[in-house]
Structures are given as structure tokens and as C-alpha cells.
Amino acid sequence: MAEIAKGVSKVLYFRKLGEASEGAKLVFQTEHSKSYSRDRESTVTKDGNVSNGGPLEDEVSISALQAETDPTFVMLSDSIVDDFPVEMWEVDLSKPTETGVEPDIVTQYAAEYRQGHITEWETTDGAEDDPEVSGTFVTSFKRQKGLVTIPEADLETLSYVFHDLLTEDPADDGLAEPAPA
């Protein structure tokens, strides 16, 4: 039976195109949406209408709360001002795939990969609300599907890990505040 997908499981990662660094997530993402459109022209012929398709337009709208410090936010802001392309991954954390054999098992996640440009970037700083950012990413060419490896540190920040009930394994993540030394 089909199950409803969970939007919270889909996270966006970015990197300046061509930069030799790990992709990084925009922190405090609240939502994103993907839209595809293609114009179609119809030409009337003596044999009936003939339809021709135009190029695919692929846009991703992004919304997040602003963090006090977030290098990805700065890079995306700079990308529209300085007009440089970026890479984007939509990673589905609900679909892990393990490859390899013990002890070298690697966990990867289903993802869509895009190259393109940020074409809109707006920040709002309300008196009573949290500062927000919204933007639009326009894909060049066609998105690709594959598997990606998430940095271990990101997996720890995206959710807390399972802890044993033994004294040797106290919860030091998620809601926990570090115990005083």
C-alpha cells in the first residue's frame, strides 16, 4: 500500500558550482517546492493540429528561517548578486541505501541533483516574527537522480541518535544539554 511522503525528510543542500568542498544544507529550512512547466505550441495544418513542445522550465522555491551565522545563506545571497551558478541536491532522508560489506558499509540516500542559478532572493525581518528568507533556484538543463552520502555531522544534527539504557551511553544530543564537567 502506498504511504504519504513526509516533507520533513527532504532536505536541500547547496554548493558553489565547481568548488571542491562538501555540499552544505541551508539551516532552518521550512519548506521548498518544485515546479515544472513546458509551453506547447499548436500549429493548424490541413491534416489537423500539430503540437510542438518548448523547453522544460524547472524551478525550486526555497523558504527558511534566517540563522545568525550560516555560510550557505551567505553563499546563496552572494550567488544572485555576483551571478555565479550553484549546485543543489534534494536529499530524501527517508530512503537510505546501504552498500558494501562489513565493516565498510556506506549509507547513501536518494537524491535529485541540479545545477543552476538563484534568480530571486528575499529576506524579511519583521518586528514580531523570526527573520525569513525565500528564494528561487532555476535549473539549467535537466535534473539528475542518484544516491548521495550525507556527512556524519549532518546526520547527527538532523535527528538525535538511538541511545542505550546503560550508564555508559547518556543522551548528549537532541534535546540534551551537555552535563557539567
C-alpha atoms as a PDB file:
ATOM      1  CA  MET A   1       0.000   0.000   0.000  1.00  0.00           C
ATOM      2  CA  ALA A   2       1.239   3.499  -0.809  1.00  0.00           C
ATOM      3  CA  GLU A   3       2.308   5.782   2.019  1.00  0.00           C
ATOM      4  CA  ILE A   4       2.260   9.562   2.204  1.00  0.00           C
ATOM      5  CA  ALA A   5       5.708  11.103   1.784  1.00  0.00           C
ATOM      6  CA  LYS A   6       6.972  13.234   4.637  1.00  0.00           C
ATOM      7  CA  GLY A   7       8.230  16.680   3.610  1.00  0.00           C
ATOM      8  CA  VAL A   8      10.426  16.919   6.692  1.00  0.00           C
ATOM      9  CA  SER A   9      12.521  14.074   5.266  1.00  0.00           C
ATOM     10  CA  LYS A  10      13.522  16.084   2.187  1.00  0.00           C
ATOM     11  CA  VAL A  11      16.416  18.494   2.762  1.00  0.00           C
ATOM     12  CA  LEU A  12      18.201  20.848   0.344  1.00  0.00           C
ATOM     13  CA  TYR A  13      21.981  21.028   0.083  1.00  0.00           C
ATOM     14  CA  PHE A  14      23.968  23.596  -1.918  1.00  0.00           C
ATOM     15  CA  ARG A  15      27.490  24.279  -3.149  1.00  0.00           C
ATOM     16  CA  LYS A  16      29.061  26.913  -5.395  1.00  0.00           C
ATOM     17  CA  LEU A  17      29.441  25.221  -8.784  1.00  0.00           C
ATOM     18  CA  GLY A  18      32.963  23.923  -9.319  1.00  0.00           C
ATOM     19  CA  GLU A  19      34.077  24.409  -5.716  1.00  0.00           C
ATOM     20  CA  ALA A  20      35.945  21.462  -4.188  1.00  0.00           C
ATOM     21  CA  SER A  21      34.081  21.348  -0.874  1.00  0.00           C
ATOM     22  CA  GLU A  22      31.264  19.374   0.709  1.00  0.00           C
ATOM     23  CA  GLY A  23      27.753  20.460  -0.138  1.00  0.00           C
ATOM     24  CA  ALA A  24      26.077  22.142   2.830  1.00  0.00           C
ATOM     25  CA  LYS A  25      22.481  22.461   3.865  1.00  0.00           C
ATOM     26  CA  LEU A  26      20.739  25.772   4.300  1.00  0.00           C
ATOM     27  CA  VAL A  27      19.867  25.664   8.007  1.00  0.00           C
ATOM     28  CA  PHE A  28      16.334  26.035   9.358  1.00  0.00           C
ATOM     29  CA  GLN A  29      14.609  25.136   6.087  1.00  0.00           C
ATOM     30  CA  THR A  30      10.848  25.420   6.468  1.00  0.00           C
ATOM     31  CA  GLU A  31       9.721  24.294   3.021  1.00  0.00           C
ATOM     32  CA  HIS A  32      10.610  24.018  -0.611  1.00  0.00           C
ATOM     33  CA  SER A  33       8.585  23.305  -3.701  1.00  0.00           C
ATOM     34  CA  LYS A  34       9.460  22.136  -7.181  1.00  0.00           C
ATOM     35  CA  SER A  35       7.587  23.211 -10.273  1.00  0.00           C
ATOM     36  CA  TYR A  36       7.956  22.106 -13.853  1.00  0.00           C
ATOM     37  CA  SER A  37       6.425  23.800 -16.871  1.00  0.00           C
ATOM     38  CA  ARG A  38       6.688  23.433 -20.620  1.00  0.00           C
ATOM     39  CA  ASP A  39       4.962  25.622 -23.202  1.00  0.00           C
ATOM     40  CA  ARG A  40       3.269  23.849 -26.081  1.00  0.00           C
ATOM     41  CA  GLU A  41       2.501  25.456 -29.391  1.00  0.00           C
ATOM     42  CA  SER A  42      -0.121  24.141 -31.708  1.00  0.00           C
ATOM     43  CA  THR A  43       0.091  24.643 -35.459  1.00  0.00           C
ATOM     44  CA  VAL A  44      -3.009  24.182 -37.573  1.00  0.00           C
ATOM     45  CA  THR A  45      -2.380  22.013 -40.632  1.00  0.00           C
ATOM     46  CA  LYS A  46      -4.716  20.651 -43.280  1.00  0.00           C
ATOM     47  CA  ASP A  47      -4.399  17.266 -41.586  1.00  0.00           C
ATOM     48  CA  GLY A  48      -5.166  18.573 -38.084  1.00  0.00           C
ATOM     49  CA  ASN A  49      -3.291  20.309 -35.295  1.00  0.00           C
ATOM     50  CA  VAL A  50       0.373  19.514 -34.702  1.00  0.00           C
ATOM     51  CA  SER A  51       1.735  20.203 -31.224  1.00  0.00           C
ATOM     52  CA  ASN A  52       5.364  21.165 -30.521  1.00  0.00           C
ATOM     53  CA  GLY A  53       6.850  21.297 -27.050  1.00  0.00           C
ATOM     54  CA  GLY A  54       9.064  24.066 -25.778  1.00  0.00           C
ATOM     55  CA  PRO A  55      11.952  23.706 -23.349  1.00  0.00           C
ATOM     56  CA  LEU A  56      11.359  22.415 -19.819  1.00  0.00           C
ATOM     57  CA  GLU A  57      11.413  25.027 -17.066  1.00  0.00           C
ATOM     58  CA  ASP A  58      12.385  23.577 -13.681  1.00  0.00           C
ATOM     59  CA  GLU A  59      12.218  25.855 -10.624  1.00  0.00           C
ATOM     60  CA  VAL A  60      12.691  25.180  -6.922  1.00  0.00           C
ATOM     61  CA  SER A  61      11.251  27.664  -4.411  1.00  0.00           C
ATOM     62  CA  ILE A  62      13.070  27.794  -1.074  1.00  0.00           C
ATOM     63  CA  SER A  63      11.909  29.070   2.337  1.00  0.00           C
ATOM     64  CA  ALA A  64      13.864  29.104   5.593  1.00  0.00           C
ATOM     65  CA  LEU A  65      14.288  30.958   8.834  1.00  0.00           C
ATOM     66  CA  GLN A  66      17.470  33.018   8.901  1.00  0.00           C
ATOM     67  CA  ALA A  67      20.268  31.766  11.110  1.00  0.00           C
ATOM     68  CA  GLU A  68      22.605  34.178  12.877  1.00  0.00           C
ATOM     69  CA  THR A  69      25.519  32.531  11.109  1.00  0.00           C
ATOM     70  CA  ASP A  70      25.144  30.252   8.088  1.00  0.00           C
ATOM     71  CA  PRO A  71      27.783  30.143   5.350  1.00  0.00           C
ATOM     72  CA  THR A  72      25.284  28.562   2.944  1.00  0.00           C
ATOM     73  CA  PHE A  73      22.907  31.514   3.382  1.00  0.00           C
ATOM     74  CA  VAL A  74      25.783  33.905   2.615  1.00  0.00           C
ATOM     75  CA  MET A  75      26.878  31.892  -0.439  1.00  0.00           C
ATOM     76  CA  LEU A  76      23.330  31.800  -1.844  1.00  0.00           C
ATOM     77  CA  SER A  77      22.923  35.548  -1.249  1.00  0.00           C
ATOM     78  CA  ASP A  78      26.237  36.189  -2.992  1.00  0.00           C
ATOM     79  CA  SER A  79      25.291  33.904  -5.894  1.00  0.00           C
ATOM     80  CA  ILE A  80      22.494  36.179  -7.086  1.00  0.00           C
ATOM     81  CA  VAL A  81      24.442  39.404  -6.502  1.00  0.00           C
ATOM     82  CA  ASP A  82      27.646  38.128  -8.146  1.00  0.00           C
ATOM     83  CA  ASP A  83      25.762  35.962 -10.693  1.00  0.00           C
ATOM     84  CA  PHE A  84      27.540  32.648 -10.216  1.00  0.00           C
ATOM     85  CA  PRO A  85      25.955  29.185 -10.613  1.00  0.00           C
ATOM     86  CA  VAL A  86      25.328  26.782  -7.753  1.00  0.00           C
ATOM     87  CA  GLU A  87      24.673  23.079  -7.336  1.00  0.00           C
ATOM     88  CA  MET A  88      21.631  21.868  -5.432  1.00  0.00           C
ATOM     89  CA  TRP A  89      20.682  18.457  -4.066  1.00  0.00           C
ATOM     90  CA  GLU A  90      17.267  17.484  -2.747  1.00  0.00           C
ATOM     91  CA  VAL A  91      18.061  14.580  -0.418  1.00  0.00           C
ATOM     92  CA  ASP A  92      15.337  12.200   0.763  1.00  0.00           C
ATOM     93  CA  LEU A  93      16.455  11.055   4.210  1.00  0.00           C
ATOM     94  CA  SER A  94      13.615   8.517   4.391  1.00  0.00           C
ATOM     95  CA  LYS A  95      15.265   6.377   1.699  1.00  0.00           C
ATOM     96  CA  PRO A  96      18.652   5.123   2.934  1.00  0.00           C
ATOM     97  CA  THR A  97      20.532   2.538   0.867  1.00  0.00           C
ATOM     98  CA  GLU A  98      23.399   0.534   2.318  1.00  0.00           C
ATOM     99  CA  THR A  99      26.221  -0.665   0.064  1.00  0.00           C
ATOM    100  CA  GLY A 100      29.414  -2.551   0.791  1.00  0.00           C
ATOM    101  CA  VAL A 101      30.210  -5.291   3.291  1.00  0.00           C
ATOM    102  CA  GLU A 102      31.107  -5.192   6.994  1.00  0.00           C
ATOM    103  CA  PRO A 103      32.998  -3.248   8.231  1.00  0.00           C
ATOM    104  CA  ASP A 104      32.885  -0.936   5.189  1.00  0.00           C
ATOM    105  CA  ILE A 105      29.146  -0.363   4.855  1.00  0.00           C
ATOM    106  CA  VAL A 106      28.250   3.016   3.359  1.00  0.00           C
ATOM    107  CA  THR A 107      24.787   4.522   3.772  1.00  0.00           C
ATOM    108  CA  GLN A 108      23.580   6.712   0.924  1.00  0.00           C
ATOM    109  CA  TYR A 109      20.293   8.493   0.262  1.00  0.00           C
ATOM    110  CA  ALA A 110      18.103   9.020  -2.789  1.00  0.00           C
ATOM    111  CA  ALA A 111      18.596  12.495  -4.228  1.00  0.00           C
ATOM    112  CA  GLU A 112      17.864  14.799  -7.140  1.00  0.00           C
ATOM    113  CA  TYR A 113      20.798  16.899  -8.358  1.00  0.00           C
ATOM    114  CA  ARG A 114      20.557  20.227 -10.178  1.00  0.00           C
ATOM    115  CA  GLN A 115      22.873  22.925 -11.476  1.00  0.00           C
ATOM    116  CA  GLY A 116      21.535  26.424 -11.989  1.00  0.00           C
ATOM    117  CA  HIS A 117      21.156  29.919 -10.607  1.00  0.00           C
ATOM    118  CA  ILE A 118      19.375  31.660  -7.769  1.00  0.00           C
ATOM    119  CA  THR A 119      17.087  34.098  -9.604  1.00  0.00           C
ATOM    120  CA  GLU A 120      15.222  35.557  -6.609  1.00  0.00           C
ATOM    121  CA  TRP A 121      16.386  36.058  -3.024  1.00  0.00           C
ATOM    122  CA  GLU A 122      14.358  37.937  -0.420  1.00  0.00           C
ATOM    123  CA  THR A 123      14.932  38.374   3.289  1.00  0.00           C
ATOM    124  CA  THR A 124      12.298  39.672   5.697  1.00  0.00           C
ATOM    125  CA  ASP A 125      12.997  40.984   9.176  1.00  0.00           C
ATOM    126  CA  GLY A 126       9.692  41.539  10.967  1.00  0.00           C
ATOM    127  CA  ALA A 127       9.438  43.130  14.406  1.00  0.00           C
ATOM    128  CA  GLU A 128       7.458  40.224  15.871  1.00  0.00           C
ATOM    129  CA  ASP A 129       8.364  37.285  13.631  1.00  0.00           C
ATOM    130  CA  ASP A 130      11.551  35.336  13.052  1.00  0.00           C
ATOM    131  CA  PRO A 131      13.603  36.658  10.120  1.00  0.00           C
ATOM    132  CA  GLU A 132      12.885  34.611   7.000  1.00  0.00           C
ATOM    133  CA  VAL A 133      14.458  34.060   3.616  1.00  0.00           C
ATOM    134  CA  SER A 134      12.833  32.920   0.397  1.00  0.00           C
ATOM    135  CA  GLY A 135      14.342  32.342  -2.991  1.00  0.00           C
ATOM    136  CA  THR A 136      14.002  30.684  -6.354  1.00  0.00           C
ATOM    137  CA  PHE A 137      16.507  28.324  -7.945  1.00  0.00           C
ATOM    138  CA  VAL A 138      16.201  27.858 -11.728  1.00  0.00           C
ATOM    139  CA  THR A 139      17.656  24.627 -13.106  1.00  0.00           C
ATOM    140  CA  SER A 140      19.876  24.609 -16.170  1.00  0.00           C
ATOM    141  CA  PHE A 141      19.439  21.605 -18.453  1.00  0.00           C
ATOM    142  CA  LYS A 142      17.762  18.586 -16.765  1.00  0.00           C
ATOM    143  CA  ARG A 143      17.906  17.413 -13.144  1.00  0.00           C
ATOM    144  CA  GLN A 144      19.575  14.084 -12.434  1.00  0.00           C
ATOM    145  CA  LYS A 145      18.693  11.336  -9.945  1.00  0.00           C
ATOM    146  CA  GLY A 146      21.118   9.263  -7.918  1.00  0.00           C
ATOM    147  CA  LEU A 147      22.486   8.495  -4.463  1.00  0.00           C
ATOM    148  CA  VAL A 148      24.479  10.810  -2.172  1.00  0.00           C
ATOM    149  CA  THR A 149      26.445  10.368   1.026  1.00  0.00           C
ATOM    150  CA  ILE A 150      25.486  12.711   3.870  1.00  0.00           C
ATOM    151  CA  PRO A 151      28.295  13.982   6.112  1.00  0.00           C
ATOM    152  CA  GLU A 152      28.129  12.234   9.506  1.00  0.00           C
ATOM    153  CA  ALA A 153      27.935  15.554  11.378  1.00  0.00           C
ATOM    154  CA  ASP A 154      24.795  16.475   9.415  1.00  0.00           C
ATOM    155  CA  LEU A 155      23.088  13.201  10.276  1.00  0.00           C
ATOM    156  CA  GLU A 156      23.669  13.991  13.940  1.00  0.00           C
ATOM    157  CA  THR A 157      22.110  17.468  13.625  1.00  0.00           C
ATOM    158  CA  LEU A 158      19.158  16.278  11.558  1.00  0.00           C
ATOM    159  CA  SER A 159      17.984  13.953  14.330  1.00  0.00           C
ATOM    160  CA  TYR A 160      19.205  12.529  17.570  1.00  0.00           C
ATOM    161  CA  VAL A 161      20.659   9.037  17.578  1.00  0.00           C
ATOM    162  CA  PHE A 162      19.476   5.974  19.471  1.00  0.00           C
ATOM    163  CA  HIS A 163      20.946   5.606  22.953  1.00  0.00           C
ATOM    164  CA  ASP A 164      21.212   2.516  25.122  1.00  0.00           C
ATOM    165  CA  LEU A 165      19.719   2.494  28.619  1.00  0.00           C
ATOM    166  CA  LEU A 166      23.134   1.799  30.171  1.00  0.00           C
ATOM    167  CA  THR A 167      25.102   4.373  32.165  1.00  0.00           C
ATOM    168  CA  GLU A 168      27.860   4.407  29.542  1.00  0.00           C
ATOM    169  CA  ASP A 169      25.540   5.904  26.887  1.00  0.00           C
ATOM    170  CA  PRO A 170      23.953   9.134  28.172  1.00  0.00           C
ATOM    171  CA  ALA A 171      21.997  11.256  25.704  1.00  0.00           C
ATOM    172  CA  ASP A 172      24.218  14.163  24.684  1.00  0.00           C
ATOM    173  CA  ASP A 173      22.364  15.238  21.562  1.00  0.00           C
ATOM    174  CA  GLY A 174      18.861  16.312  20.517  1.00  0.00           C
ATOM    175  CA  LEU A 175      17.157  17.992  23.485  1.00  0.00           C
ATOM    176  CA  ALA A 176      20.031  17.244  25.858  1.00  0.00           C
ATOM    177  CA  GLU A 177      22.289  19.935  27.241  1.00  0.00           C
ATOM    178  CA  PRO A 178      25.826  18.765  27.922  1.00  0.00           C
ATOM    179  CA  ALA A 179      26.326  17.641  31.520  1.00  0.00           C
ATOM    180  CA  PRO A 180      28.609  19.881  33.571  1.00  0.00           C
ATOM    181  CA  ALA A 181      32.155  18.570  33.734  1.00  0.00           C
END
